[in-house]
Amino acid sequence: HGLHASGLWSGERGTNLFDGGAPFYDTYECS
């Protein structure tokens, strides 16, 4: 809620900092 009020949460899932939207906060498949 705080991130949203600060304009730091877009409202669309999967496009934000801590929901996998950021490529540096996500999971990656290995070989």
All heavy atoms as atom14 arrays in JSON, in Angstrom:
{
  "sequence": "HGLHASGLWSGERGTNLFDGGAPFYDTYECS",
  "atom14_mask": [
    [1, 1, 1, 1, 1, 1, 1, 1, 1, 1, 0, 0, 0, 0],
    [1, 1, 1, 1, 0, 0, 0, 0, 0, 0, 0, 0, 0, 0],
    [1, 1, 1, 1, 1, 1, 1, 1, 0, 0, 0, 0, 0, 0],
    [1, 1, 1, 1, 1, 1, 1, 1, 1, 1, 0, 0, 0, 0],
    [1, 1, 1, 1, 1, 0, 0, 0, 0, 0, 0, 0, 0, 0],
    [1, 1, 1, 1, 1, 1, 0, 0, 0, 0, 0, 0, 0, 0],
    [1, 1, 1, 1, 0, 0, 0, 0, 0, 0, 0, 0, 0, 0],
    [1, 1, 1, 1, 1, 1, 1, 1, 0, 0, 0, 0, 0, 0],
    [1, 1, 1, 1, 1, 1, 1, 1, 1, 1, 1, 1, 1, 1],
    [1, 1, 1, 1, 1, 1, 0, 0, 0, 0, 0, 0, 0, 0],
    [1, 1, 1, 1, 0, 0, 0, 0, 0, 0, 0, 0, 0, 0],
    [1, 1, 1, 1, 1, 1, 1, 1, 1, 0, 0, 0, 0, 0],
    [1, 1, 1, 1, 1, 1, 1, 1, 1, 1, 1, 0, 0, 0],
    [1, 1, 1, 1, 0, 0, 0, 0, 0, 0, 0, 0, 0, 0],
    [1, 1, 1, 1, 1, 1, 1, 0, 0, 0, 0, 0, 0, 0],
    [1, 1, 1, 1, 1, 1, 1, 1, 0, 0, 0, 0, 0, 0],
    [1, 1, 1, 1, 1, 1, 1, 1, 0, 0, 0, 0, 0, 0],
    [1, 1, 1, 1, 1, 1, 1, 1, 1, 1, 1, 0, 0, 0],
    [1, 1, 1, 1, 1, 1, 1, 1, 0, 0, 0, 0, 0, 0],
    [1, 1, 1, 1, 0, 0, 0, 0, 0, 0, 0, 0, 0, 0],
    [1, 1, 1, 1, 0, 0, 0, 0, 0, 0, 0, 0, 0, 0],
    [1, 1, 1, 1, 1, 0, 0, 0, 0, 0, 0, 0, 0, 0],
    [1, 1, 1, 1, 1, 1, 1, 0, 0, 0, 0, 0, 0, 0],
    [1, 1, 1, 1, 1, 1, 1, 1, 1, 1, 1, 0, 0, 0],
    [1, 1, 1, 1, 1, 1, 1, 1, 1, 1, 1, 1, 0, 0],
    [1, 1, 1, 1, 1, 1, 1, 1, 0, 0, 0, 0, 0, 0],
    [1, 1, 1, 1, 1, 1, 1, 0, 0, 0, 0, 0, 0, 0],
    [1, 1, 1, 1, 1, 1, 1, 1, 1, 1, 1, 1, 0, 0],
    [1, 1, 1, 1, 1, 1, 1, 1, 1, 0, 0, 0, 0, 0],
    [1, 1, 1, 1, 1, 1, 0, 0, 0, 0, 0, 0, 0, 0],
    [1, 1, 1, 1, 1, 1, 0, 0, 0, 0, 0, 0, 0, 0]
  ],
  "atom14_positions": [
    [[0.84, -1.2, 0.0], [0.0, 0.0, 0.0], [0.88, 1.25, 0.0], [0.56, 2.25, -0.66], [-0.92, 0.01, 1.22], [-2.12, -0.86, 1.06], [-3.27, -0.42, 0.44], [-2.37, -2.14, 1.44], [-4.17, -1.39, 0.45], [-3.65, -2.45, 1.04], [0.0, 0.0, 0.0], [0.0, 0.0, 0.0], [0.0, 0.0, 0.0], [0.0, 0.0, 0.0]],
    [[1.97, 1.21, 0.76], [2.88, 2.35, 0.8], [3.56, 2.6, -0.53], [3.67, 3.76, -0.98], [0.0, 0.0, 0.0], [0.0, 0.0, 0.0], [0.0, 0.0, 0.0], [0.0, 0.0, 0.0], [0.0, 0.0, 0.0], [0.0, 0.0, 0.0], [0.0, 0.0, 0.0], [0.0, 0.0, 0.0], [0.0, 0.0, 0.0], [0.0, 0.0, 0.0]],
    [[3.99, 1.53, -1.2], [4.61, 1.69, -2.51], [3.61, 2.26, -3.52], [3.96, 3.13, -4.34], [5.12, 0.33, -3.01], [6.34, -0.26, -2.29], [6.69, -1.62, -2.87], [7.54, 0.67, -2.39], [0.0, 0.0, 0.0], [0.0, 0.0, 0.0], [0.0, 0.0, 0.0], [0.0, 0.0, 0.0], [0.0, 0.0, 0.0], [0.0, 0.0, 0.0]],
    [[2.37, 1.81, -3.45], [1.35, 2.31, -4.37], [1.08, 3.79, -4.14], [0.98, 4.58, -5.1], [0.06, 1.5, -4.2], [-1.03, 1.9, -5.15], [-2.01, 2.81, -4.82], [-1.28, 1.53, -6.44], [-2.82, 2.98, -5.85], [-2.39, 2.21, -6.84], [0.0, 0.0, 0.0], [0.0, 0.0, 0.0], [0.0, 0.0, 0.0], [0.0, 0.0, 0.0]],
    [[0.99, 4.18, -2.88], [0.73, 5.59, -2.56], [1.88, 6.49, -3.02], [1.67, 7.68, -3.3], [0.51, 5.75, -1.06], [0.0, 0.0, 0.0], [0.0, 0.0, 0.0], [0.0, 0.0, 0.0], [0.0, 0.0, 0.0], [0.0, 0.0, 0.0], [0.0, 0.0, 0.0], [0.0, 0.0, 0.0], [0.0, 0.0, 0.0], [0.0, 0.0, 0.0]],
    [[3.09, 5.93, -3.09], [4.26, 6.7, -3.5], [4.48, 6.66, -5.01], [5.47, 7.2, -5.52], [5.52, 6.15, -2.8], [5.38, 6.23, -1.4], [0.0, 0.0, 0.0], [0.0, 0.0, 0.0], [0.0, 0.0, 0.0], [0.0, 0.0, 0.0], [0.0, 0.0, 0.0], [0.0, 0.0, 0.0], [0.0, 0.0, 0.0], [0.0, 0.0, 0.0]],
    [[3.57, 5.99, -5.72], [3.71, 5.89, -7.17], [4.73, 4.87, -7.61], [5.17, 4.88, -8.78], [0.0, 0.0, 0.0], [0.0, 0.0, 0.0], [0.0, 0.0, 0.0], [0.0, 0.0, 0.0], [0.0, 0.0, 0.0], [0.0, 0.0, 0.0], [0.0, 0.0, 0.0], [0.0, 0.0, 0.0], [0.0, 0.0, 0.0], [0.0, 0.0, 0.0]],
    [[5.12, 3.96, -6.7], [6.14, 2.97, -7.02], [5.56, 1.59, -7.3], [6.3, 0.61, -7.38], [7.16, 2.88, -5.87], [7.93, 4.18, -5.59], [8.82, 4.0, -4.36], [8.75, 4.59, -6.8], [0.0, 0.0, 0.0], [0.0, 0.0, 0.0], [0.0, 0.0, 0.0], [0.0, 0.0, 0.0], [0.0, 0.0, 0.0], [0.0, 0.0, 0.0]],
    [[4.24, 1.5, -7.41], [3.59, 0.23, -7.74], [2.57, 0.51, -8.83], [1.63, 1.27, -8.61], [2.92, -0.37, -6.5], [2.58, -1.82, -6.63], [1.42, -2.36, -7.1], [3.43, -2.93, -6.31], [1.49, -3.73, -7.1], [2.71, -4.12, -6.62], [4.72, -3.05, -5.79], [3.25, -5.38, -6.42], [5.26, -4.3, -5.6], [4.52, -5.45, -5.9]],
    [[2.75, -0.1, -9.97], [1.96, 0.28, -11.15], [0.51, -0.17, -11.06], [-0.36, 0.4, -11.71], [2.6, -0.31, -12.4], [2.4, -1.72, -12.45], [0.0, 0.0, 0.0], [0.0, 0.0, 0.0], [0.0, 0.0, 0.0], [0.0, 0.0, 0.0], [0.0, 0.0, 0.0], [0.0, 0.0, 0.0], [0.0, 0.0, 0.0], [0.0, 0.0, 0.0]],
    [[0.25, -1.21, -10.3], [-1.1, -1.74, -10.25], [-1.26, -2.98, -11.1], [-2.16, -3.77, -10.89], [0.0, 0.0, 0.0], [0.0, 0.0, 0.0], [0.0, 0.0, 0.0], [0.0, 0.0, 0.0], [0.0, 0.0, 0.0], [0.0, 0.0, 0.0], [0.0, 0.0, 0.0], [0.0, 0.0, 0.0], [0.0, 0.0, 0.0], [0.0, 0.0, 0.0]],
    [[-0.4, -3.18, -12.11], [-0.46, -4.38, -12.93], [0.51, -5.4, -12.39], [1.7, -5.13, -12.23], [-0.11, -4.07, -14.39], [-0.19, -5.28, -15.3], [0.21, -4.96, -16.74], [0.38, -3.76, -17.04], [0.37, -5.9, -17.53], [0.0, 0.0, 0.0], [0.0, 0.0, 0.0], [0.0, 0.0, 0.0], [0.0, 0.0, 0.0], [0.0, 0.0, 0.0]],
    [[0.01, -6.59, -12.06], [0.89, -7.59, -11.44], [2.0, -8.02, -12.41], [1.84, -8.01, -13.63], [0.09, -8.8, -10.97], [-0.47, -9.69, -12.02], [-1.16, -10.91, -11.41], [-2.24, -11.36, -12.27], [-3.47, -10.89, -12.23], [-3.78, -9.96, -11.36], [-4.4, -11.33, -13.05], [0.0, 0.0, 0.0], [0.0, 0.0, 0.0], [0.0, 0.0, 0.0]],
    [[3.1, -8.39, -11.81], [4.23, -8.89, -12.58], [5.02, -7.81, -13.29], [5.85, -8.14, -14.16], [0.0, 0.0, 0.0], [0.0, 0.0, 0.0], [0.0, 0.0, 0.0], [0.0, 0.0, 0.0], [0.0, 0.0, 0.0], [0.0, 0.0, 0.0], [0.0, 0.0, 0.0], [0.0, 0.0, 0.0], [0.0, 0.0, 0.0], [0.0, 0.0, 0.0]],
    [[4.82, -6.53, -12.92], [5.57, -5.45, -13.57], [6.26, -4.56, -12.55], [6.79, -3.51, -12.91], [4.64, -4.58, -14.44], [3.65, -3.97, -13.61], [3.95, -5.42, -15.51], [0.0, 0.0, 0.0], [0.0, 0.0, 0.0], [0.0, 0.0, 0.0], [0.0, 0.0, 0.0], [0.0, 0.0, 0.0], [0.0, 0.0, 0.0], [0.0, 0.0, 0.0]],
    [[6.27, -4.98, -11.29], [6.78, -4.13, -10.22], [8.06, -4.71, -9.63], [8.52, -5.8, -9.99], [5.71, -3.98, -9.14], [4.44, -3.38, -9.71], [4.33, -2.19, -9.93], [3.43, -4.24, -9.96], [0.0, 0.0, 0.0], [0.0, 0.0, 0.0], [0.0, 0.0, 0.0], [0.0, 0.0, 0.0], [0.0, 0.0, 0.0], [0.0, 0.0, 0.0]],
    [[8.6, -4.01, -8.64], [9.91, -4.35, -8.11], [9.95, -5.71, -7.44], [10.88, -6.48, -7.66], [10.34, -3.26, -7.11], [11.73, -3.43, -6.49], [12.8, -3.48, -7.58], [12.02, -2.28, -5.53], [0.0, 0.0, 0.0], [0.0, 0.0, 0.0], [0.0, 0.0, 0.0], [0.0, 0.0, 0.0], [0.0, 0.0, 0.0], [0.0, 0.0, 0.0]],
    [[8.95, -6.03, -6.6], [9.02, -7.25, -5.81], [8.05, -8.35, -6.26], [7.77, -9.27, -5.51], [8.77, -6.93, -4.33], [9.82, -6.03, -3.73], [9.5, -4.76, -3.3], [11.14, -6.44, -3.64], [10.46, -3.91, -2.75], [12.12, -5.61, -3.11], [11.78, -4.34, -2.67], [0.0, 0.0, 0.0], [0.0, 0.0, 0.0], [0.0, 0.0, 0.0]],
    [[7.51, -8.24, -7.44], [6.56, -9.26, -7.92], [7.07, -9.98, -9.15], [6.29, -10.6, -9.88], [5.19, -8.63, -8.19], [5.22, -7.57, -9.3], [6.32, -7.31, -9.85], [4.16, -7.0, -9.6], [0.0, 0.0, 0.0], [0.0, 0.0, 0.0], [0.0, 0.0, 0.0], [0.0, 0.0, 0.0], [0.0, 0.0, 0.0], [0.0, 0.0, 0.0]],
    [[8.37, -9.92, -9.39], [8.94, -10.57, -10.56], [9.03, -9.67, -11.77], [9.51, -10.09, -12.83], [0.0, 0.0, 0.0], [0.0, 0.0, 0.0], [0.0, 0.0, 0.0], [0.0, 0.0, 0.0], [0.0, 0.0, 0.0], [0.0, 0.0, 0.0], [0.0, 0.0, 0.0], [0.0, 0.0, 0.0], [0.0, 0.0, 0.0], [0.0, 0.0, 0.0]],
    [[8.57, -8.44, -11.63], [8.63, -7.51, -12.76], [10.04, -7.05, -13.06], [10.41, -6.82, -14.22], [0.0, 0.0, 0.0], [0.0, 0.0, 0.0], [0.0, 0.0, 0.0], [0.0, 0.0, 0.0], [0.0, 0.0, 0.0], [0.0, 0.0, 0.0], [0.0, 0.0, 0.0], [0.0, 0.0, 0.0], [0.0, 0.0, 0.0], [0.0, 0.0, 0.0]],
    [[10.85, -6.88, -12.01], [12.23, -6.45, -12.19], [13.1, -7.66, -12.52], [13.04, -8.68, -11.83], [12.74, -5.77, -10.92], [0.0, 0.0, 0.0], [0.0, 0.0, 0.0], [0.0, 0.0, 0.0], [0.0, 0.0, 0.0], [0.0, 0.0, 0.0], [0.0, 0.0, 0.0], [0.0, 0.0, 0.0], [0.0, 0.0, 0.0], [0.0, 0.0, 0.0]],
    [[13.95, -7.58, -13.55], [14.78, -8.73, -13.92], [15.8, -9.11, -12.85], [16.33, -10.22, -12.87], [15.47, -8.27, -15.2], [15.38, -6.78, -15.2], [14.11, -6.45, -14.47], [0.0, 0.0, 0.0], [0.0, 0.0, 0.0], [0.0, 0.0, 0.0], [0.0, 0.0, 0.0], [0.0, 0.0, 0.0], [0.0, 0.0, 0.0], [0.0, 0.0, 0.0]],
    [[16.08, -8.18, -11.92], [17.03, -8.48, -10.84], [16.32, -8.94, -9.57], [16.93, -9.01, -8.51], [17.91, -7.25, -10.55], [17.14, -5.97, -10.39], [16.57, -5.63, -9.18], [16.97, -5.11, -11.47], [15.85, -4.46, -9.03], [16.25, -3.93, -11.34], [15.69, -3.61, -10.11], [0.0, 0.0, 0.0], [0.0, 0.0, 0.0], [0.0, 0.0, 0.0]],
    [[15.02, -9.24, -9.68], [14.26, -9.8, -8.54], [13.3, -10.83, -9.11], [12.1, -10.6, -9.24], [13.51, -8.69, -7.79], [13.15, -9.07, -6.36], [14.03, -8.82, -5.32], [11.94, -9.68, -6.06], [13.72, -9.16, -4.01], [11.61, -10.03, -4.76], [12.51, -9.77, -3.75], [12.19, -10.13, -2.45], [0.0, 0.0, 0.0], [0.0, 0.0, 0.0]],
    [[13.86, -11.99, -9.47], [13.06, -12.99, -10.17], [13.78, -14.34, -10.07], [14.84, -14.46, -9.46], [12.89, -12.58, -11.64], [11.67, -13.21, -12.29], [11.01, -14.06, -11.65], [11.37, -12.85, -13.46], [0.0, 0.0, 0.0], [0.0, 0.0, 0.0], [0.0, 0.0, 0.0], [0.0, 0.0, 0.0], [0.0, 0.0, 0.0], [0.0, 0.0, 0.0]],
    [[13.18, -15.35, -10.65], [13.8, -16.67, -10.71], [14.18, -17.0, -12.15], [13.53, -16.53, -13.1], [12.85, -17.77, -10.17], [11.65, -17.77, -10.95], [12.51, -17.52, -8.71], [0.0, 0.0, 0.0], [0.0, 0.0, 0.0], [0.0, 0.0, 0.0], [0.0, 0.0, 0.0], [0.0, 0.0, 0.0], [0.0, 0.0, 0.0], [0.0, 0.0, 0.0]],
    [[15.24, -17.81, -12.29], [15.71, -18.17, -13.62], [15.98, -19.67, -13.69], [16.53, -20.26, -12.76], [16.99, -17.39, -13.96], [16.73, -15.92, -14.17], [16.81, -15.01, -13.12], [16.35, -15.44, -15.43], [16.55, -13.66, -13.3], [16.08, -14.09, -15.63], [16.18, -13.21, -14.56], [15.9, -11.88, -14.76], [0.0, 0.0, 0.0], [0.0, 0.0, 0.0]],
    [[15.58, -20.25, -14.82], [15.78, -21.68, -15.03], [17.23, -21.97, -15.38], [17.87, -21.21, -16.12], [14.87, -22.19, -16.13], [14.89, -23.7, -16.3], [13.9, -24.2, -17.32], [13.31, -23.36, -18.03], [13.72, -25.43, -17.42], [0.0, 0.0, 0.0], [0.0, 0.0, 0.0], [0.0, 0.0, 0.0], [0.0, 0.0, 0.0], [0.0, 0.0, 0.0]],
    [[17.73, -23.08, -14.85], [19.11, -23.5, -15.11], [19.12, -24.66, -16.11], [18.07, -25.14, -16.54], [19.79, -23.9, -13.81], [19.76, -22.58, -12.57], [0.0, 0.0, 0.0], [0.0, 0.0, 0.0], [0.0, 0.0, 0.0], [0.0, 0.0, 0.0], [0.0, 0.0, 0.0], [0.0, 0.0, 0.0], [0.0, 0.0, 0.0], [0.0, 0.0, 0.0]],
    [[20.3, -25.13, -16.47], [20.4, -26.15, -17.51], [19.78, -27.48, -17.11], [19.42, -28.29, -17.96], [21.87, -26.38, -17.89], [22.61, -26.89, -16.78], [0.0, 0.0, 0.0], [0.0, 0.0, 0.0], [0.0, 0.0, 0.0], [0.0, 0.0, 0.0], [0.0, 0.0, 0.0], [0.0, 0.0, 0.0], [0.0, 0.0, 0.0], [0.0, 0.0, 0.0]]
  ]
}
